[in-house]
Amino acid sequence: MIKKMIVFALPAILIACSAGNKKIENADPMEYAKTITAQELKDHLYIFASDEFEGRETGEPGQKKAAEYLKKEYQDLKIPAAKGNDNYYQDVPTSYFKKGKVKPTENVVAFMKGSEKPEEYVVISSHYDHVGVDDQGNVYNGADDDGSGTVGVLEIAEAFAKAKRDGYTPKRSIIFLNVTGEEKGLVGSKYYTDNPIFPLENTVADLNIDMIGRIDPDHEGKDPYIYLIGSDKLSKELHNLSEEVNKKYMNIDLDYKYNDENDPNRFYYRSDHYNFAKNNIPIIFYFNGTHADYHKMTDTPDKIEYDLMAKRAQLVFLTAWEIANREARLVVDKAEAPEAK
């Protein structure tokens, strides 16, 4: 009886093993990109940018609710905590905040271990804080800034999780990094790069998503677009890879207006990717540009262009997929990132 059970069990074990060891080259990444949908982004954002989260002010109760929301989503996706033992939080000490009194706060960090190059890391980042509530009790929901980027990271994480369930684990490890304190001076990302959970020298790239839900005045009525900033600052190879992935899968208009060193807005220095760039890690900053509701209480989820937002998040996923699964890590062409002036 025991011998028969072993014989019958062997085929099932072999099938399970083969399913867990599929060649990533046989996967169609677009199949997983398509799991990033406008409806799921909308469902997330109507919660994440609701009044219940009180504008997600750094250190305040609304930000804590937002952190818990992110933690639960990663748990539901079965993506482990970066620090292990179900500890998704990286505490950011109040001493890192140079102005004003800020209560204790935390980055939220999840981690998918790579199958072949687990000690090389691709970071997909966003900031989940916003500016809170004003003296009159008006909630600044921050749907675009940066609720859009944050729920985009969740959907990208879900796409990678689906691929892994199907046996296509990325070759390199993926870090899903939702940072706090961006609105206070890029504090959460600075703390992470000063105190990395995983070695910076083995961090291959950071794809940072900060505002991908709207259309700016320059692109009203035009084709789908996204501003790309910083893709060629440290690695020409990253820039070329990004262009090739977009051409192959998405054909979104990649606008480099704000990549100009002489751009007076200085956006390259104004989001969390910059702390990675300062450490010679190639980056891309995905950005839809500013609009009339930027940093106003009118930045609400009903104004988001969800179909366009889904296309942009799909592009980030596909770019991350290519970086994570290529044979060689990205080459850094320049010795250091340009310094902010």
C-alpha atoms as a PDB file:
ATOM      1  CA  MET A   1       0.000   0.000   0.000  1.00  0.00           C
ATOM      2  CA  ILE A   2       2.779   2.452   0.923  1.00  0.00           C
ATOM      3  CA  LYS A   3       4.737   1.591  -2.239  1.00  0.00           C
ATOM      4  CA  LYS A   4       1.697   2.320  -4.417  1.00  0.00           C
ATOM      5  CA  MET A   5       1.162   5.683  -2.731  1.00  0.00           C
ATOM      6  CA  ILE A   6       4.776   6.660  -3.463  1.00  0.00           C
ATOM      7  CA  VAL A   7       4.436   5.645  -7.124  1.00  0.00           C
ATOM      8  CA  PHE A   8       1.235   7.646  -7.558  1.00  0.00           C
ATOM      9  CA  ALA A   9       2.690  10.669  -5.753  1.00  0.00           C
ATOM     10  CA  LEU A  10       5.852  10.892  -7.866  1.00  0.00           C
ATOM     11  CA  PRO A  11       4.218  12.293 -11.042  1.00  0.00           C
ATOM     12  CA  ALA A  12       2.493  15.033  -9.047  1.00  0.00           C
ATOM     13  CA  ILE A  13       5.767  15.972  -7.371  1.00  0.00           C
ATOM     14  CA  LEU A  14       7.580  16.087 -10.710  1.00  0.00           C
ATOM     15  CA  ILE A  15       4.852  18.267 -12.232  1.00  0.00           C
ATOM     16  CA  ALA A  16       5.006  20.645  -9.257  1.00  0.00           C
ATOM     17  CA  CYS A  17       8.792  20.879  -9.527  1.00  0.00           C
ATOM     18  CA  SER A  18       8.710  21.583 -13.255  1.00  0.00           C
ATOM     19  CA  ALA A  19       6.037  24.265 -12.733  1.00  0.00           C
ATOM     20  CA  GLY A  20       8.288  25.970 -10.224  1.00  0.00           C
ATOM     21  CA  ASN A  21      11.288  26.001 -12.542  1.00  0.00           C
ATOM     22  CA  LYS A  22       9.958  27.379 -15.804  1.00  0.00           C
ATOM     23  CA  LYS A  23      12.361  29.298 -17.988  1.00  0.00           C
ATOM     24  CA  ILE A  24      11.620  32.984 -17.667  1.00  0.00           C
ATOM     25  CA  GLU A  25      12.487  33.404 -21.357  1.00  0.00           C
ATOM     26  CA  ASN A  26       9.359  31.401 -22.217  1.00  0.00           C
ATOM     27  CA  ALA A  27       7.069  33.822 -20.418  1.00  0.00           C
ATOM     28  CA  ASP A  28       5.090  36.540 -22.188  1.00  0.00           C
ATOM     29  CA  PRO A  29       5.484  39.578 -19.909  1.00  0.00           C
ATOM     30  CA  MET A  30       2.569  41.327 -21.625  1.00  0.00           C
ATOM     31  CA  GLU A  31       0.279  38.620 -20.278  1.00  0.00           C
ATOM     32  CA  TYR A  32       1.166  39.778 -16.772  1.00  0.00           C
ATOM     33  CA  ALA A  33       1.253  43.471 -17.635  1.00  0.00           C
ATOM     34  CA  LYS A  34      -2.394  43.154 -18.658  1.00  0.00           C
ATOM     35  CA  THR A  35      -3.300  42.164 -15.093  1.00  0.00           C
ATOM     36  CA  ILE A  36      -2.645  45.826 -14.252  1.00  0.00           C
ATOM     37  CA  THR A  37      -6.114  47.180 -14.964  1.00  0.00           C
ATOM     38  CA  ALA A  38      -7.816  50.547 -14.781  1.00  0.00           C
ATOM     39  CA  GLN A  39     -10.558  49.092 -12.586  1.00  0.00           C
ATOM     40  CA  GLU A  40      -8.206  47.641  -9.981  1.00  0.00           C
ATOM     41  CA  LEU A  41      -6.182  50.863  -9.862  1.00  0.00           C
ATOM     42  CA  LYS A  42      -9.424  52.774  -9.355  1.00  0.00           C
ATOM     43  CA  ASP A  43     -10.604  50.426  -6.618  1.00  0.00           C
ATOM     44  CA  HIS A  44      -7.329  50.888  -4.748  1.00  0.00           C
ATOM     45  CA  LEU A  45      -7.140  54.646  -5.201  1.00  0.00           C
ATOM     46  CA  TYR A  46     -10.699  55.416  -4.116  1.00  0.00           C
ATOM     47  CA  ILE A  47      -9.734  53.846  -0.790  1.00  0.00           C
ATOM     48  CA  PHE A  48      -6.144  55.074  -0.560  1.00  0.00           C
ATOM     49  CA  ALA A  49      -6.988  58.691  -1.429  1.00  0.00           C
ATOM     50  CA  SER A  50     -10.221  58.799   0.568  1.00  0.00           C
ATOM     51  CA  ASP A  51     -10.898  61.124   3.484  1.00  0.00           C
ATOM     52  CA  GLU A  52     -10.460  58.125   5.793  1.00  0.00           C
ATOM     53  CA  PHE A  53      -6.702  58.372   5.220  1.00  0.00           C
ATOM     54  CA  GLU A  54      -6.699  62.056   6.255  1.00  0.00           C
ATOM     55  CA  GLY A  55      -4.233  63.190   3.590  1.00  0.00           C
ATOM     56  CA  ARG A  56      -1.527  60.738   4.739  1.00  0.00           C
ATOM     57  CA  GLU A  57       0.491  63.388   6.579  1.00  0.00           C
ATOM     58  CA  THR A  58       3.860  61.970   7.665  1.00  0.00           C
ATOM     59  CA  GLY A  59       3.652  60.477  11.146  1.00  0.00           C
ATOM     60  CA  GLU A  60      -0.070  61.139  11.543  1.00  0.00           C
ATOM     61  CA  PRO A  61      -2.886  58.562  11.926  1.00  0.00           C
ATOM     62  CA  GLY A  62      -3.848  58.722   8.250  1.00  0.00           C
ATOM     63  CA  GLN A  63      -0.333  57.808   7.191  1.00  0.00           C
ATOM     64  CA  LYS A  64      -0.400  54.882   9.627  1.00  0.00           C
ATOM     65  CA  LYS A  65      -3.666  53.668   8.058  1.00  0.00           C
ATOM     66  CA  ALA A  66      -2.048  53.935   4.637  1.00  0.00           C
ATOM     67  CA  ALA A  67       0.941  51.902   5.802  1.00  0.00           C
ATOM     68  CA  GLU A  68      -1.368  49.216   7.161  1.00  0.00           C
ATOM     69  CA  TYR A  69      -3.249  49.143   3.867  1.00  0.00           C
ATOM     70  CA  LEU A  70      -0.029  48.560   1.944  1.00  0.00           C
ATOM     71  CA  LYS A  71       1.119  45.894   4.380  1.00  0.00           C
ATOM     72  CA  LYS A  72      -2.155  43.986   4.057  1.00  0.00           C
ATOM     73  CA  GLU A  73      -2.025  44.124   0.268  1.00  0.00           C
ATOM     74  CA  TYR A  74       1.483  42.659   0.199  1.00  0.00           C
ATOM     75  CA  GLN A  75       0.403  39.979   2.664  1.00  0.00           C
ATOM     76  CA  ASP A  76      -2.594  39.099   0.485  1.00  0.00           C
ATOM     77  CA  LEU A  77      -0.268  38.841  -2.521  1.00  0.00           C
ATOM     78  CA  LYS A  78       2.041  36.596  -0.469  1.00  0.00           C
ATOM     79  CA  ILE A  79       4.991  38.900  -1.133  1.00  0.00           C
ATOM     80  CA  PRO A  80       7.173  38.724   1.992  1.00  0.00           C
ATOM     81  CA  ALA A  81       8.367  41.583   4.143  1.00  0.00           C
ATOM     82  CA  ALA A  82      11.841  42.811   3.240  1.00  0.00           C
ATOM     83  CA  LYS A  83      12.986  42.589   6.859  1.00  0.00           C
ATOM     84  CA  GLY A  84      11.505  39.122   7.375  1.00  0.00           C
ATOM     85  CA  ASN A  85       9.199  37.900  10.134  1.00  0.00           C
ATOM     86  CA  ASP A  86       6.260  39.773   8.595  1.00  0.00           C
ATOM     87  CA  ASN A  87       7.983  43.077   9.386  1.00  0.00           C
ATOM     88  CA  TYR A  88       7.157  45.299   6.409  1.00  0.00           C
ATOM     89  CA  TYR A  89       8.114  48.511   8.215  1.00  0.00           C
ATOM     90  CA  GLN A  90      11.458  50.271   8.188  1.00  0.00           C
ATOM     91  CA  ASP A  91      11.216  52.841  10.980  1.00  0.00           C
ATOM     92  CA  VAL A  92      12.460  56.299  10.029  1.00  0.00           C
ATOM     93  CA  PRO A  93      13.694  58.194  13.114  1.00  0.00           C
ATOM     94  CA  THR A  94      12.391  61.671  13.805  1.00  0.00           C
ATOM     95  CA  SER A  95      15.999  62.898  13.852  1.00  0.00           C
ATOM     96  CA  TYR A  96      16.005  62.631  10.047  1.00  0.00           C
ATOM     97  CA  PHE A  97      13.481  65.453   9.784  1.00  0.00           C
ATOM     98  CA  LYS A  98      15.304  68.795   9.923  1.00  0.00           C
ATOM     99  CA  LYS A  99      12.265  71.080  10.169  1.00  0.00           C
ATOM    100  CA  GLY A 100       9.266  70.932  12.439  1.00  0.00           C
ATOM    101  CA  LYS A 101       8.112  68.215  14.801  1.00  0.00           C
ATOM    102  CA  VAL A 102       7.351  64.969  13.008  1.00  0.00           C
ATOM    103  CA  LYS A 103       6.025  61.887  14.751  1.00  0.00           C
ATOM    104  CA  PRO A 104       7.607  58.477  14.205  1.00  0.00           C
ATOM    105  CA  THR A 105       7.005  57.157  10.714  1.00  0.00           C
ATOM    106  CA  GLU A 106       8.017  54.270   8.481  1.00  0.00           C
ATOM    107  CA  ASN A 107       8.777  53.074   4.984  1.00  0.00           C
ATOM    108  CA  VAL A 108       6.849  50.021   3.796  1.00  0.00           C
ATOM    109  CA  VAL A 109       9.117  47.482   2.072  1.00  0.00           C
ATOM    110  CA  ALA A 110       8.193  44.160   0.454  1.00  0.00           C
ATOM    111  CA  PHE A 111      10.560  41.757  -1.274  1.00  0.00           C
ATOM    112  CA  MET A 112      10.418  39.082  -3.966  1.00  0.00           C
ATOM    113  CA  LYS A 113      13.541  36.925  -4.017  1.00  0.00           C
ATOM    114  CA  GLY A 114      15.081  36.339  -7.416  1.00  0.00           C
ATOM    115  CA  SER A 115      15.467  32.858  -8.878  1.00  0.00           C
ATOM    116  CA  GLU A 116      18.960  33.090 -10.419  1.00  0.00           C
ATOM    117  CA  LYS A 117      20.547  36.336  -9.225  1.00  0.00           C
ATOM    118  CA  PRO A 118      18.878  36.841  -5.834  1.00  0.00           C
ATOM    119  CA  GLU A 119      21.660  39.106  -4.554  1.00  0.00           C
ATOM    120  CA  GLU A 120      21.028  41.698  -7.267  1.00  0.00           C
ATOM    121  CA  TYR A 121      18.066  44.013  -6.693  1.00  0.00           C
ATOM    122  CA  VAL A 122      15.631  46.072  -8.752  1.00  0.00           C
ATOM    123  CA  VAL A 123      13.759  48.720  -6.735  1.00  0.00           C
ATOM    124  CA  ILE A 124      10.276  49.899  -7.703  1.00  0.00           C
ATOM    125  CA  SER A 125       9.458  52.925  -5.554  1.00  0.00           C
ATOM    126  CA  SER A 126       6.811  55.518  -4.756  1.00  0.00           C
ATOM    127  CA  HIS A 127       6.059  57.809  -1.833  1.00  0.00           C
ATOM    128  CA  TYR A 128       2.820  57.158  -0.009  1.00  0.00           C
ATOM    129  CA  ASP A 129       2.725  60.271   2.209  1.00  0.00           C
ATOM    130  CA  HIS A 130       0.979  63.510   1.299  1.00  0.00           C
ATOM    131  CA  VAL A 131       0.322  66.833   3.056  1.00  0.00           C
ATOM    132  CA  GLY A 132      -2.551  65.984   5.390  1.00  0.00           C
ATOM    133  CA  VAL A 133      -5.355  68.281   6.549  1.00  0.00           C
ATOM    134  CA  ASP A 134      -5.397  72.086   6.719  1.00  0.00           C
ATOM    135  CA  ASP A 135      -6.435  74.288   9.658  1.00  0.00           C
ATOM    136  CA  GLN A 136     -10.034  74.334   8.409  1.00  0.00           C
ATOM    137  CA  GLY A 137     -10.230  70.541   8.310  1.00  0.00           C
ATOM    138  CA  ASN A 138      -9.963  70.210   4.530  1.00  0.00           C
ATOM    139  CA  VAL A 139      -8.402  66.904   3.514  1.00  0.00           C
ATOM    140  CA  TYR A 140      -5.680  66.958   0.867  1.00  0.00           C
ATOM    141  CA  ASN A 141      -6.302  63.520  -0.626  1.00  0.00           C
ATOM    142  CA  GLY A 142      -3.220  63.386  -2.864  1.00  0.00           C
ATOM    143  CA  ALA A 143      -4.839  61.088  -5.421  1.00  0.00           C
ATOM    144  CA  ASP A 144      -2.257  61.866  -8.086  1.00  0.00           C
ATOM    145  CA  ASP A 145       0.532  62.932  -5.691  1.00  0.00           C
ATOM    146  CA  ASP A 146       1.336  60.171  -5.012  1.00  0.00           C
ATOM    147  CA  GLY A 147      -1.602  57.900  -4.499  1.00  0.00           C
ATOM    148  CA  SER A 148      -1.346  57.101  -8.199  1.00  0.00           C
ATOM    149  CA  GLY A 149       2.256  55.944  -7.972  1.00  0.00           C
ATOM    150  CA  THR A 150       1.642  53.976  -4.801  1.00  0.00           C
ATOM    151  CA  VAL A 151      -1.312  51.969  -6.079  1.00  0.00           C
ATOM    152  CA  GLY A 152       0.642  51.555  -9.307  1.00  0.00           C
ATOM    153  CA  VAL A 153       3.383  49.830  -7.309  1.00  0.00           C
ATOM    154  CA  LEU A 154       0.749  47.541  -5.750  1.00  0.00           C
ATOM    155  CA  GLU A 155      -0.568  46.540  -9.165  1.00  0.00           C
ATOM    156  CA  ILE A 156       2.971  45.970 -10.464  1.00  0.00           C
ATOM    157  CA  ALA A 157       3.629  43.796  -7.407  1.00  0.00           C
ATOM    158  CA  GLU A 158       0.470  41.838  -8.176  1.00  0.00           C
ATOM    159  CA  ALA A 159       1.649  41.262 -11.759  1.00  0.00           C
ATOM    160  CA  PHE A 160       4.992  39.897 -10.559  1.00  0.00           C
ATOM    161  CA  ALA A 161       3.184  37.748  -7.978  1.00  0.00           C
ATOM    162  CA  LYS A 162       0.955  36.259 -10.691  1.00  0.00           C
ATOM    163  CA  ALA A 163       3.993  35.483 -12.838  1.00  0.00           C
ATOM    164  CA  LYS A 164       5.679  33.794  -9.877  1.00  0.00           C
ATOM    165  CA  ARG A 165       2.597  31.674  -9.187  1.00  0.00           C
ATOM    166  CA  ASP A 166       2.782  30.527 -12.800  1.00  0.00           C
ATOM    167  CA  GLY A 167       6.391  29.479 -12.294  1.00  0.00           C
ATOM    168  CA  TYR A 168       8.088  32.607 -13.695  1.00  0.00           C
ATOM    169  CA  THR A 169      10.039  34.063 -10.782  1.00  0.00           C
ATOM    170  CA  PRO A 170      12.224  37.007 -11.885  1.00  0.00           C
ATOM    171  CA  LYS A 171      15.955  36.281 -12.061  1.00  0.00           C
ATOM    172  CA  ARG A 172      16.863  39.268  -9.896  1.00  0.00           C
ATOM    173  CA  SER A 173      15.146  40.180  -6.655  1.00  0.00           C
ATOM    174  CA  ILE A 174      12.477  42.895  -6.682  1.00  0.00           C
ATOM    175  CA  ILE A 175      12.125  45.422  -3.851  1.00  0.00           C
ATOM    176  CA  PHE A 176       8.748  47.129  -3.615  1.00  0.00           C
ATOM    177  CA  LEU A 177       9.563  50.323  -1.712  1.00  0.00           C
ATOM    178  CA  ASN A 178       6.837  52.697  -0.526  1.00  0.00           C
ATOM    179  CA  VAL A 179       8.601  55.555   1.241  1.00  0.00           C
ATOM    180  CA  THR A 180       7.380  58.065   3.779  1.00  0.00           C
ATOM    181  CA  GLY A 181       8.333  61.708   4.231  1.00  0.00           C
ATOM    182  CA  GLU A 182       8.849  62.640   0.581  1.00  0.00           C
ATOM    183  CA  GLU A 183       6.865  65.824   1.091  1.00  0.00           C
ATOM    184  CA  LYS A 184       9.210  66.671   3.991  1.00  0.00           C
ATOM    185  CA  GLY A 185      12.327  66.591   1.795  1.00  0.00           C
ATOM    186  CA  LEU A 186      12.739  63.071   0.373  1.00  0.00           C
ATOM    187  CA  VAL A 187      13.327  61.844   3.916  1.00  0.00           C
ATOM    188  CA  GLY A 188      12.121  58.243   3.698  1.00  0.00           C
ATOM    189  CA  SER A 189      14.187  57.441   0.612  1.00  0.00           C
ATOM    190  CA  LYS A 190      17.228  59.149   2.124  1.00  0.00           C
ATOM    191  CA  TYR A 191      16.866  56.993   5.214  1.00  0.00           C
ATOM    192  CA  TYR A 192      16.591  53.865   3.076  1.00  0.00           C
ATOM    193  CA  THR A 193      19.712  54.680   1.052  1.00  0.00           C
ATOM    194  CA  ASP A 194      21.623  55.647   4.209  1.00  0.00           C
ATOM    195  CA  ASN A 195      20.438  52.455   5.934  1.00  0.00           C
ATOM    196  CA  PRO A 196      19.687  50.012   3.134  1.00  0.00           C
ATOM    197  CA  ILE A 197      17.961  46.753   3.900  1.00  0.00           C
ATOM    198  CA  PHE A 198      19.760  45.293   0.875  1.00  0.00           C
ATOM    199  CA  PRO A 199      23.235  46.405  -0.288  1.00  0.00           C
ATOM    200  CA  LEU A 200      23.233  49.469  -2.529  1.00  0.00           C
ATOM    201  CA  GLU A 201      26.255  48.158  -4.428  1.00  0.00           C
ATOM    202  CA  ASN A 202      24.063  45.272  -5.603  1.00  0.00           C
ATOM    203  CA  THR A 203      21.066  47.468  -6.408  1.00  0.00           C
ATOM    204  CA  VAL A 204      20.779  47.485 -10.191  1.00  0.00           C
ATOM    205  CA  ALA A 205      18.181  50.234 -10.727  1.00  0.00           C
ATOM    206  CA  ASP A 206      15.375  52.252  -9.162  1.00  0.00           C
ATOM    207  CA  LEU A 207      12.166  52.853 -11.112  1.00  0.00           C
ATOM    208  CA  ASN A 208      10.389  55.631  -9.242  1.00  0.00           C
ATOM    209  CA  ILE A 209       6.713  56.436  -9.812  1.00  0.00           C
ATOM    210  CA  ASP A 210       5.528  59.851  -8.615  1.00  0.00           C
ATOM    211  CA  MET A 211       2.273  61.109 -10.194  1.00  0.00           C
ATOM    212  CA  ILE A 212       1.054  58.979 -13.118  1.00  0.00           C
ATOM    213  CA  GLY A 213      -2.698  59.570 -12.989  1.00  0.00           C
ATOM    214  CA  ARG A 214      -3.333  62.844 -14.801  1.00  0.00           C
ATOM    215  CA  ILE A 215      -2.784  64.726 -18.050  1.00  0.00           C
ATOM    216  CA  ASP A 216      -0.935  68.038 -17.939  1.00  0.00           C
ATOM    217  CA  PRO A 217      -1.981  71.049 -20.072  1.00  0.00           C
ATOM    218  CA  ASP A 218       0.730  70.383 -22.684  1.00  0.00           C
ATOM    219  CA  HIS A 219      -0.778  66.991 -23.556  1.00  0.00           C
ATOM    220  CA  GLU A 220      -4.527  67.629 -23.472  1.00  0.00           C
ATOM    221  CA  GLY A 221      -6.162  65.886 -26.430  1.00  0.00           C
ATOM    222  CA  LYS A 222      -2.929  64.209 -27.525  1.00  0.00           C
ATOM    223  CA  ASP A 223      -1.663  60.611 -27.560  1.00  0.00           C
ATOM    224  CA  PRO A 224      -0.870  58.736 -24.320  1.00  0.00           C
ATOM    225  CA  TYR A 225       2.382  60.021 -22.845  1.00  0.00           C
ATOM    226  CA  ILE A 226       4.608  59.968 -19.796  1.00  0.00           C
ATOM    227  CA  TYR A 227       7.531  62.186 -18.833  1.00  0.00           C
ATOM    228  CA  LEU A 228      10.742  60.211 -18.301  1.00  0.00           C
ATOM    229  CA  ILE A 229      13.406  61.864 -16.210  1.00  0.00           C
ATOM    230  CA  GLY A 230      16.913  60.609 -15.468  1.00  0.00           C
ATOM    231  CA  SER A 231      16.998  57.484 -17.625  1.00  0.00           C
ATOM    232  CA  ASP A 232      20.278  58.495 -19.287  1.00  0.00           C
ATOM    233  CA  LYS A 233      21.955  60.290 -16.366  1.00  0.00           C
ATOM    234  CA  LEU A 234      23.928  57.282 -15.143  1.00  0.00           C
ATOM    235  CA  SER A 235      23.337  54.506 -17.669  1.00  0.00           C
ATOM    236  CA  LYS A 236      22.855  54.896 -21.395  1.00  0.00           C
ATOM    237  CA  GLU A 237      22.029  51.203 -21.385  1.00  0.00           C
ATOM    238  CA  LEU A 238      19.029  51.822 -19.126  1.00  0.00           C
ATOM    239  CA  HIS A 239      17.812  54.598 -21.419  1.00  0.00           C
ATOM    240  CA  ASN A 240      18.072  52.369 -24.487  1.00  0.00           C
ATOM    241  CA  LEU A 241      16.403  49.448 -22.714  1.00  0.00           C
ATOM    242  CA  SER A 242      13.528  51.713 -21.660  1.00  0.00           C
ATOM    243  CA  GLU A 243      13.054  52.940 -25.217  1.00  0.00           C
ATOM    244  CA  GLU A 244      13.131  49.406 -26.638  1.00  0.00           C
ATOM    245  CA  VAL A 245      10.617  48.052 -24.118  1.00  0.00           C
ATOM    246  CA  ASN A 246       8.220  50.898 -24.845  1.00  0.00           C
ATOM    247  CA  LYS A 247       8.545  50.436 -28.613  1.00  0.00           C
ATOM    248  CA  LYS A 248       7.993  46.673 -28.346  1.00  0.00           C
ATOM    249  CA  TYR A 249       4.999  46.683 -26.034  1.00  0.00           C
ATOM    250  CA  MET A 250       3.350  50.049 -25.358  1.00  0.00           C
ATOM    251  CA  ASN A 251       4.209  52.834 -27.849  1.00  0.00           C
ATOM    252  CA  ILE A 252       3.515  55.578 -25.309  1.00  0.00           C
ATOM    253  CA  ASP A 253       4.927  59.006 -26.147  1.00  0.00           C
ATOM    254  CA  LEU A 254       8.045  59.289 -23.958  1.00  0.00           C
ATOM    255  CA  ASP A 255       8.511  62.990 -23.269  1.00  0.00           C
ATOM    256  CA  TYR A 256      11.993  64.062 -22.103  1.00  0.00           C
ATOM    257  CA  LYS A 257      11.199  67.754 -21.642  1.00  0.00           C
ATOM    258  CA  TYR A 258      12.021  67.696 -17.930  1.00  0.00           C
ATOM    259  CA  ASN A 259      15.170  65.611 -18.402  1.00  0.00           C
ATOM    260  CA  ASP A 260      16.991  68.731 -19.592  1.00  0.00           C
ATOM    261  CA  GLU A 261      19.669  69.814 -17.110  1.00  0.00           C
ATOM    262  CA  ASN A 262      18.596  73.411 -17.706  1.00  0.00           C
ATOM    263  CA  ASP A 263      14.932  72.770 -16.883  1.00  0.00           C
ATOM    264  CA  PRO A 264      13.998  75.403 -14.267  1.00  0.00           C
ATOM    265  CA  ASN A 265      11.616  73.013 -12.481  1.00  0.00           C
ATOM    266  CA  ARG A 266      14.542  70.778 -11.437  1.00  0.00           C
ATOM    267  CA  PHE A 267      12.263  67.741 -11.189  1.00  0.00           C
ATOM    268  CA  TYR A 268      15.230  65.369 -11.341  1.00  0.00           C
ATOM    269  CA  TYR A 269      16.167  66.508  -7.843  1.00  0.00           C
ATOM    270  CA  ARG A 270      12.629  66.543  -6.435  1.00  0.00           C
ATOM    271  CA  SER A 271      11.530  62.943  -5.968  1.00  0.00           C
ATOM    272  CA  ASP A 272      12.811  59.836  -4.252  1.00  0.00           C
ATOM    273  CA  HIS A 273      14.819  58.396  -7.143  1.00  0.00           C
ATOM    274  CA  TYR A 274      17.388  61.140  -6.534  1.00  0.00           C
ATOM    275  CA  ASN A 275      18.666  59.497  -3.346  1.00  0.00           C
ATOM    276  CA  PHE A 276      19.405  56.367  -5.386  1.00  0.00           C
ATOM    277  CA  ALA A 277      21.039  58.387  -8.172  1.00  0.00           C
ATOM    278  CA  LYS A 278      23.308  60.049  -5.601  1.00  0.00           C
ATOM    279  CA  ASN A 279      24.545  56.543  -4.842  1.00  0.00           C
ATOM    280  CA  ASN A 280      25.315  55.846  -8.520  1.00  0.00           C
ATOM    281  CA  ILE A 281      22.267  53.635  -9.026  1.00  0.00           C
ATOM    282  CA  PRO A 282      20.605  54.105 -12.442  1.00  0.00           C
ATOM    283  CA  ILE A 283      17.079  55.474 -12.190  1.00  0.00           C
ATOM    284  CA  ILE A 284      13.990  56.367 -14.167  1.00  0.00           C
ATOM    285  CA  PHE A 285      11.458  58.835 -12.779  1.00  0.00           C
ATOM    286  CA  TYR A 286       7.948  58.375 -14.250  1.00  0.00           C
ATOM    287  CA  PHE A 287       5.887  61.570 -14.024  1.00  0.00           C
ATOM    288  CA  ASN A 288       2.763  63.021 -15.671  1.00  0.00           C
ATOM    289  CA  GLY A 289       3.684  66.670 -15.048  1.00  0.00           C
ATOM    290  CA  THR A 290       1.909  69.174 -12.846  1.00  0.00           C
ATOM    291  CA  HIS A 291      -1.679  70.362 -13.184  1.00  0.00           C
ATOM    292  CA  ALA A 292      -4.117  72.804 -11.595  1.00  0.00           C
ATOM    293  CA  ASP A 293      -4.839  70.447  -8.671  1.00  0.00           C
ATOM    294  CA  TYR A 294      -1.211  69.848  -7.696  1.00  0.00           C
ATOM    295  CA  HIS A 295      -0.868  70.110  -3.895  1.00  0.00           C
ATOM    296  CA  LYS A 296      -4.471  71.284  -3.561  1.00  0.00           C
ATOM    297  CA  MET A 297      -7.446  69.675  -1.868  1.00  0.00           C
ATOM    298  CA  THR A 298      -8.892  69.185  -5.360  1.00  0.00           C
ATOM    299  CA  ASP A 299      -6.371  66.395  -6.149  1.00  0.00           C
ATOM    300  CA  THR A 300      -9.089  63.740  -5.825  1.00  0.00           C
ATOM    301  CA  PRO A 301      -9.559  60.247  -7.294  1.00  0.00           C
ATOM    302  CA  ASP A 302     -12.474  61.246  -9.520  1.00  0.00           C
ATOM    303  CA  LYS A 303     -10.075  63.290 -11.677  1.00  0.00           C
ATOM    304  CA  ILE A 304      -7.688  60.430 -12.440  1.00  0.00           C
ATOM    305  CA  GLU A 305      -7.376  59.062 -15.994  1.00  0.00           C
ATOM    306  CA  TYR A 306      -7.430  55.380 -15.040  1.00  0.00           C
ATOM    307  CA  ASP A 307      -6.992  53.867 -18.505  1.00  0.00           C
ATOM    308  CA  LEU A 308      -3.926  56.026 -19.104  1.00  0.00           C
ATOM    309  CA  MET A 309      -2.644  55.317 -15.610  1.00  0.00           C
ATOM    310  CA  ALA A 310      -2.881  51.575 -16.313  1.00  0.00           C
ATOM    311  CA  LYS A 311      -0.823  51.955 -19.508  1.00  0.00           C
ATOM    312  CA  ARG A 312       1.854  53.877 -17.615  1.00  0.00           C
ATOM    313  CA  ALA A 313       2.014  51.290 -14.815  1.00  0.00           C
ATOM    314  CA  GLN A 314       2.221  48.518 -17.405  1.00  0.00           C
ATOM    315  CA  LEU A 315       5.212  50.276 -18.956  1.00  0.00           C
ATOM    316  CA  VAL A 316       6.972  50.403 -15.584  1.00  0.00           C
ATOM    317  CA  PHE A 317       6.263  46.711 -15.005  1.00  0.00           C
ATOM    318  CA  LEU A 318       7.570  45.728 -18.435  1.00  0.00           C
ATOM    319  CA  THR A 319      10.715  47.820 -17.937  1.00  0.00           C
ATOM    320  CA  ALA A 320      11.298  46.263 -14.513  1.00  0.00           C
ATOM    321  CA  TRP A 321      10.740  42.808 -16.018  1.00  0.00           C
ATOM    322  CA  GLU A 322      13.424  43.422 -18.629  1.00  0.00           C
ATOM    323  CA  ILE A 323      15.934  44.790 -16.094  1.00  0.00           C
ATOM    324  CA  ALA A 324      15.282  41.921 -13.697  1.00  0.00           C
ATOM    325  CA  ASN A 325      15.596  39.166 -16.281  1.00  0.00           C
ATOM    326  CA  ARG A 326      18.386  40.268 -18.629  1.00  0.00           C
ATOM    327  CA  GLU A 327      21.625  38.315 -18.417  1.00  0.00           C
ATOM    328  CA  ALA A 328      23.954  41.145 -17.345  1.00  0.00           C
ATOM    329  CA  ARG A 329      23.221  43.919 -14.879  1.00  0.00           C
ATOM    330  CA  LEU A 330      23.016  47.453 -16.204  1.00  0.00           C
ATOM    331  CA  VAL A 331      26.285  49.220 -16.906  1.00  0.00           C
ATOM    332  CA  VAL A 332      26.842  52.525 -15.086  1.00  0.00           C
ATOM    333  CA  ASP A 333      28.478  54.912 -17.559  1.00  0.00           C
ATOM    334  CA  LYS A 334      29.090  57.906 -15.306  1.00  0.00           C
ATOM    335  CA  ALA A 335      30.997  58.099 -12.061  1.00  0.00           C
ATOM    336  CA  GLU A 336      28.407  59.982 -10.065  1.00  0.00           C
ATOM    337  CA  ALA A 337      25.024  61.657 -10.279  1.00  0.00           C
ATOM    338  CA  PRO A 338      24.829  65.381 -10.996  1.00  0.00           C
ATOM    339  CA  GLU A 339      24.561  67.333  -7.770  1.00  0.00           C
ATOM    340  CA  ALA A 340      21.597  69.544  -7.019  1.00  0.00           C
ATOM    341  CA  LYS A 341      22.407  73.214  -7.411  1.00  0.00           C
END
